[in-house]
Protein backbone atom coordinates (compact mmCIF):
# COMPACT_ATOMS: atom_id res chain seq x y z
CA MET A 1 112.49 48.75 71.04
CA ALA A 2 113.77 46.60 73.87
CA ARG A 3 115.27 49.83 75.53
CA THR A 4 112.03 51.71 75.05
CA LEU A 5 109.90 49.03 76.66
CA LEU A 6 112.30 49.07 79.47
CA VAL A 7 111.77 52.71 80.07
CA ARG A 8 108.37 52.19 80.12
CA GLY A 9 108.70 49.51 82.61
CA LEU A 10 110.96 51.19 85.20
CA ILE A 11 108.33 54.19 84.94
CA ALA A 12 105.24 51.50 84.97
CA GLY A 13 106.97 50.06 87.84
CA ALA A 14 107.36 53.26 89.81
CA LEU A 15 104.31 54.23 89.25
CA ALA A 16 102.78 50.93 90.55
CA GLY A 17 105.17 50.89 93.88
CA VAL A 18 103.16 54.62 94.80
CA ALA A 19 99.98 52.73 94.38
CA ALA A 20 101.24 50.22 96.63
CA PHE A 21 102.85 52.78 99.05
CA ALA A 22 98.96 54.14 99.63
CA PHE A 23 97.52 50.85 99.76
CA ALA A 24 99.79 49.69 102.49
CA LEU A 25 99.98 53.24 104.34
CA VAL A 26 95.89 52.44 104.80
CA PHE A 27 95.59 49.23 105.37
CA GLY A 28 99.11 47.30 106.16
CA GLU A 29 100.52 50.05 108.40
CA PRO A 30 97.61 49.84 111.41
CA GLN A 31 98.06 46.08 111.03
CA ILE A 32 102.14 46.55 112.09
CA ASP A 33 101.46 49.09 114.68
CA LYS A 34 99.22 46.57 116.50
CA ALA A 35 102.02 43.55 116.02
CA ILE A 36 104.59 45.77 117.83
CA ALA A 37 102.02 46.86 120.23
CA PHE A 38 101.46 43.14 121.34
CA GLU A 39 105.03 42.63 120.99
CA GLU A 40 106.10 45.61 123.48
CA SER A 41 103.49 44.63 125.75
CA LEU A 42 105.02 41.03 126.00
CA ALA A 43 108.30 42.62 126.71
CA ALA A 44 106.89 44.75 129.52
CA ALA A 45 105.29 42.20 131.31
CA ALA A 46 108.35 40.04 131.43
CA GLY A 47 110.72 43.12 132.45
CA GLU A 48 112.45 43.43 129.38
CA PRO A 49 114.07 46.58 128.36
CA ALA A 50 112.58 48.45 125.49
CA GLU A 51 114.70 48.14 122.27
CA PRO A 52 116.07 51.69 120.86
CA GLU A 53 114.75 52.33 117.56
CA LEU A 54 117.15 53.09 114.83
CA VAL A 55 114.81 54.58 112.55
CA SER A 56 111.96 56.23 114.01
CA ARG A 57 108.41 54.62 113.06
CA ALA A 58 107.28 57.24 111.65
CA THR A 59 110.07 57.60 109.35
CA GLN A 60 109.31 53.79 108.60
CA SER A 61 106.23 54.06 107.92
CA THR A 62 105.98 57.23 105.69
CA ILE A 63 109.44 58.01 103.37
CA GLY A 64 111.11 54.35 104.36
CA LEU A 65 107.71 52.67 103.01
CA LEU A 66 107.28 54.77 99.78
CA THR A 67 111.11 54.01 99.24
CA GLY A 68 110.77 50.43 99.82
CA THR A 69 107.77 50.23 97.48
CA VAL A 70 109.19 52.40 94.91
CA VAL A 71 112.39 50.51 94.57
CA MET A 72 110.31 47.14 94.58
CA GLY A 73 108.18 48.26 91.51
CA VAL A 74 110.88 49.53 89.56
CA ALA A 75 113.11 46.51 89.79
CA LEU A 76 109.65 44.30 89.14
CA GLY A 77 108.79 46.88 86.15
CA SER A 78 112.43 46.37 84.42
CA LEU A 79 111.72 42.37 84.85
CA PHE A 80 108.30 42.69 83.70
CA ALA A 81 109.13 44.76 80.62
CA ILE A 82 111.71 41.75 79.60
CA VAL A 83 109.05 39.24 79.92
CA PHE A 84 106.73 41.28 78.16
CA ALA A 85 108.77 41.79 75.20
CA TRP A 86 109.63 37.59 74.99
CA ALA A 87 105.80 37.14 75.48
CA TYR A 88 104.07 40.03 73.09
CA GLY A 89 102.74 38.18 70.25
CA ARG A 90 103.35 34.42 71.74
CA VAL A 91 100.36 33.97 73.85
CA GLY A 92 97.96 34.26 71.12
CA ALA A 93 96.39 37.07 68.75
CA LEU A 94 96.50 39.62 72.09
CA GLY A 95 97.40 43.45 72.22
CA ALA A 96 100.10 45.10 74.35
CA ARG A 97 97.32 45.83 76.74
CA ALA A 98 95.94 42.31 77.20
CA THR A 99 99.13 40.71 77.03
CA ALA A 100 100.65 43.06 79.79
CA ALA A 101 97.43 42.50 81.75
CA LEU A 102 97.61 38.49 81.68
CA LEU A 103 101.30 38.62 82.44
CA GLY A 104 100.05 40.59 85.85
CA LEU A 105 97.52 38.13 86.43
CA ALA A 106 100.15 35.51 86.24
CA ALA A 107 102.54 36.79 88.24
CA PHE A 108 100.43 37.62 91.07
CA LEU A 109 98.91 34.56 91.09
CA ALA A 110 102.58 32.63 90.52
CA ILE A 111 104.28 35.14 92.89
CA THR A 112 102.32 36.05 95.52
CA LEU A 113 98.68 34.30 96.04
CA VAL A 114 100.06 30.35 95.40
CA PRO A 115 103.32 30.58 97.41
CA SER A 116 100.85 32.50 100.27
CA THR A 117 98.78 29.31 100.60
CA LYS A 118 101.91 27.34 101.86
CA TYR A 119 104.24 30.55 103.60
CA PRO A 120 101.68 33.18 104.48
CA ALA A 121 103.26 37.00 105.11
CA ASN A 122 103.51 37.77 108.71
CA PRO A 123 104.10 40.62 110.93
CA PRO A 124 107.48 41.74 111.48
CA THR A 125 107.34 41.02 115.18
CA VAL A 126 106.10 37.33 114.57
CA GLY A 127 108.60 34.70 113.94
CA ASN A 128 111.94 33.73 115.44
CA PRO A 129 114.78 35.94 113.96
CA ASP A 130 117.19 32.84 114.32
CA THR A 131 115.11 31.02 111.65
CA ILE A 132 114.89 33.97 108.95
CA ASP A 133 117.16 32.22 106.41
CA ARG A 134 115.42 29.15 106.31
CA ARG A 135 112.22 30.80 106.23
CA THR A 136 113.63 32.91 103.29
CA LEU A 137 114.77 30.12 101.70
CA LEU A 138 111.55 27.93 101.73
CA PHE A 139 109.58 31.04 100.66
CA VAL A 140 111.95 31.43 97.43
CA ALA A 141 111.51 27.89 96.71
CA MET A 142 107.60 27.79 96.78
CA ILE A 143 107.75 30.93 94.36
CA ALA A 144 110.41 28.95 91.92
CA ILE A 145 107.90 25.74 91.60
CA SER A 146 105.03 27.77 91.49
CA VAL A 147 106.42 29.75 88.38
CA LEU A 148 107.96 26.41 86.79
CA SER A 149 104.49 24.81 87.17
CA LEU A 150 103.15 27.88 85.56
CA ILE A 151 105.05 28.03 82.81
CA ALA A 152 104.75 24.10 82.25
CA ALA A 153 100.96 24.44 82.18
CA TRP A 154 101.32 27.39 79.79
CA ARG A 155 103.23 24.95 77.41
CA LEU A 156 100.75 22.00 78.05
CA TRP A 157 97.99 24.46 77.19
CA ARG A 158 99.81 25.27 73.73
CA GLN A 159 100.51 21.37 72.91
CA LEU A 160 96.94 20.57 73.54
CA SER A 161 95.01 23.29 72.05
CA PRO A 162 95.27 22.00 68.52
CA ARG A 163 94.22 18.94 69.59
CA LEU A 164 91.77 19.12 72.36
CA GLY A 165 90.43 22.84 71.60
CA ALA A 166 91.36 25.57 74.14
CA TRP A 167 88.76 25.03 76.79
CA THR A 168 89.50 21.41 77.36
CA ALA A 169 93.46 22.10 76.89
CA ALA A 170 92.95 25.19 79.84
CA ILE A 171 91.21 22.68 81.99
CA ALA A 172 94.01 19.87 81.97
CA ALA A 173 96.77 22.60 81.82
CA GLY A 174 95.29 23.82 85.46
CA ALA A 175 94.75 20.63 86.61
CA VAL A 176 98.39 19.92 86.02
CA PHE A 177 99.28 23.23 87.66
CA LEU A 178 97.38 22.44 90.54
CA LEU A 179 98.50 19.03 91.21
CA ALA A 180 102.56 20.59 90.87
CA VAL A 181 101.72 23.12 93.39
CA ALA A 182 99.67 20.75 95.85
CA VAL A 183 102.46 17.88 95.88
CA ALA A 184 105.09 20.72 96.53
CA GLU A 185 103.06 21.87 99.34
CA LEU A 186 102.84 18.61 100.84
CA LEU A 187 106.62 17.98 100.66
CA LEU A 188 107.81 20.98 101.94
CA PRO A 189 108.10 21.20 105.37
CA GLY A 190 105.69 24.08 107.23
CA VAL A 191 106.79 27.09 109.35
CA GLN A 192 104.81 27.55 112.39
CA GLU A 193 106.28 30.47 115.06
CA THR A 194 103.63 32.55 115.55
CA PRO A 195 103.69 33.57 119.41
CA SER A 196 101.43 32.13 121.85
CA GLY A 197 98.57 34.69 122.54
CA PHE A 198 98.92 36.62 118.89
CA PRO A 199 95.31 37.93 118.15
CA PRO A 200 94.33 35.67 115.25
CA ASP A 201 92.11 38.48 113.80
CA LEU A 202 95.41 40.66 113.43
CA LEU A 203 97.40 38.27 111.69
CA TRP A 204 94.94 37.75 109.19
CA GLU A 205 94.19 41.06 108.67
CA PHE A 206 97.83 41.61 108.02
CA ARG A 207 97.80 38.58 105.59
CA LEU A 208 94.81 39.96 103.67
CA ALA A 209 96.72 43.36 103.62
CA SER A 210 99.69 42.04 102.24
CA ILE A 211 98.08 39.98 99.75
CA GLY A 212 95.90 43.24 98.69
CA LEU A 213 99.45 44.93 98.63
CA ASN A 214 100.63 43.05 96.18
CA ALA A 215 97.53 42.77 94.15
CA THR A 216 97.64 46.70 93.90
CA LEU A 217 101.44 46.57 92.65
CA TRP A 218 100.53 43.85 89.95
CA LEU A 219 97.46 45.28 88.88
CA ALA A 220 98.95 48.78 88.45
CA LEU A 221 101.62 47.67 86.72
CA GLY A 222 99.93 45.15 84.18
CA LEU A 223 97.73 47.96 83.18
CA GLY A 224 100.13 50.76 83.42
CA PHE A 225 102.92 49.23 81.81
CA GLY A 226 99.87 47.86 79.21
CA ALA A 227 98.74 51.68 78.33
CA LEU A 228 102.60 52.87 77.93
CA ALA A 229 103.49 49.69 75.50
CA GLU A 230 100.50 50.03 73.87
CA ARG A 231 101.28 53.68 72.33
CA VAL A 232 104.60 52.43 71.27
CA LEU A 233 103.61 48.63 69.70
CA GLU A 234 100.35 49.67 68.35
CA PRO A 235 100.31 53.48 67.70
CA ARG A 236 97.19 53.06 65.14
CA ALA A 237 95.14 51.72 67.61
CA VAL A 238 95.61 54.42 70.34
CA ARG A 239 94.93 56.95 67.18
CA ARG A 240 91.28 55.38 66.72
CA GLU A 241 90.72 55.15 70.65
CA MET A 242 91.56 58.81 70.41
CA VAL A 243 89.25 59.91 67.22
CA SER A 244 86.70 57.86 68.81
CA ALA A 245 86.88 59.40 72.12
CA GLY A 246 86.85 62.62 70.47
CA ALA A 247 83.67 61.85 68.21
């Protein structure tokens, strides 16, 4: 069964990668082109020679982008399948689709949305190349803290639910999660490397596109994997849906 779920995770991840590619092509790439144009204008004003392209921009924004999103989707899909196999039946009386959708939402919250409030995404032209290792480490640390805080909040909810009720326990667990994240964001150093004169509207649009891309990826992965897993784990429910649709 684990192998079957893993295969479905790879398939759902690949499809989610294609969906993320489509979103990035429409909403993300135009912002990157504008950021590159801004960097080139600064270099031209300073009299610096243009750097040669090792890979053409056209290739980067099409085949390269598609390859990157699909590979990322497949990798996340395999991890998603492993987490789903553990979570299925442990997060309440939820079916395969509901469990996968909940995991997709939790992943988007803990891996993308919360860390982005401290370290938002920047276009490739923004940031000092000498600090990339430090910035990456800080971002990974924020993701780890967010994920661990979410797991701790979930465990707290399970412990408090029998005594306080599901709703009150959810409020308490949510408050603990927010408190842990707030403390982490206060303690971790900030990163401010946006060049002077960089258009603020462009930066905002790029960051929105980055969040939208990740939302598309996790939404497609959660819903796609849930539909595929249901056919294996709950074949009777699938047959009932097909009969109802035929009726």
